[in-house]
């Protein structure tokens, strides 16, 4: 994943649908992104991820609505 620690802000992420991506920092100092000004549940941040056959991957998110391969 590109910029997985959000050291470069929201670089590498794009918006699927309507709304805007913003970076936030939790009280414990963890960086994360949120989608704001959404009009539909499917409006969300997205990023293309290249997978290698034979490897195992785990994805997590506060509101992971879909994973498309």
Protein backbone atom coordinates (compact mmCIF):
# COMPACT_ATOMS: atom_id res chain seq x y z
CA UNK A 1 0.00 0.00 0.00
CA UNK A 2 1.23 3.44 -0.85
CA UNK A 3 1.61 5.88 2.07
CA UNK A 4 0.12 3.41 4.56
CA UNK A 5 1.32 5.44 7.57
CA UNK A 6 -0.11 8.69 6.07
CA UNK A 7 3.32 10.34 6.32
CA UNK A 8 2.44 12.21 3.11
CA UNK A 9 -1.08 13.17 4.20
CA UNK A 10 -3.75 11.73 1.92
CA UNK A 11 -1.40 11.24 -1.04
CA UNK A 12 -2.21 7.97 -2.85
CA UNK A 13 -5.87 8.00 -1.86
CA UNK A 14 -8.69 9.17 -4.06
CA UNK A 15 -12.39 9.63 -3.44
CA UNK A 16 -14.89 7.10 -4.79
CA UNK A 17 -18.10 9.03 -5.42
CA UNK A 18 -18.83 12.38 -3.80
CA UNK A 19 -17.18 14.03 -0.81
CA UNK A 20 -13.70 14.92 0.32
CA UNK A 21 -10.85 13.05 2.06
CA UNK A 22 -9.35 14.53 5.22
CA UNK A 23 -6.51 13.33 7.44
CA UNK A 24 -7.13 13.14 11.19
CA UNK A 25 -5.00 12.24 14.21
CA UNK A 26 -6.40 10.28 17.15
CA UNK A 27 -5.81 11.24 20.79
CA UNK A 28 -3.12 8.52 20.87
CA UNK A 29 -1.36 10.03 17.83
CA UNK A 30 -2.51 7.55 15.16
CA UNK A 31 -3.08 9.04 11.71
CA UNK A 32 -6.15 8.03 9.73
CA UNK A 33 -8.36 9.34 6.93
CA UNK A 34 -12.05 10.10 6.85
CA UNK A 35 -14.56 10.86 4.12
CA UNK A 36 -16.51 14.07 4.76
CA UNK A 37 -19.45 15.70 2.96
CA UNK A 38 -20.60 12.32 1.63
CA UNK A 39 -24.03 11.94 0.07
CA UNK A 40 -24.14 8.12 -0.15
CA UNK A 41 -22.85 5.28 2.00
CA UNK A 42 -20.67 4.17 -0.93
CA UNK A 43 -18.84 7.53 -1.07
CA UNK A 44 -15.49 6.59 0.44
CA UNK A 45 -11.70 6.84 0.16
CA UNK A 46 -10.12 4.34 -2.19
CA UNK A 47 -6.65 3.17 -3.20
CA UNK A 48 -5.50 0.64 -5.77
CA UNK A 49 -3.44 -2.16 -4.20
CA UNK A 50 -1.33 -4.58 -6.23
CA UNK A 51 -1.51 -8.15 -4.94
CA UNK A 52 0.93 -10.97 -5.58
CA UNK A 53 -0.43 -14.48 -6.13
CA UNK A 54 0.41 -16.85 -3.30
CA UNK A 55 0.71 -14.14 -0.62
CA UNK A 56 -1.80 -13.54 2.17
CA UNK A 57 -3.20 -10.08 2.86
CA UNK A 58 -5.30 -8.59 5.65
CA UNK A 59 -7.24 -5.36 5.27
CA UNK A 60 -9.03 -3.51 8.03
CA UNK A 61 -11.01 -0.33 8.39
CA UNK A 62 -13.53 1.32 10.63
CA UNK A 63 -16.22 0.95 8.01
CA UNK A 64 -14.98 -1.37 5.29
CA UNK A 65 -17.97 -1.57 3.00
CA UNK A 66 -16.51 -3.48 0.07
CA UNK A 67 -13.39 -5.09 -1.24
CA UNK A 68 -13.20 -5.54 -5.01
CA UNK A 69 -10.62 -7.80 -6.68
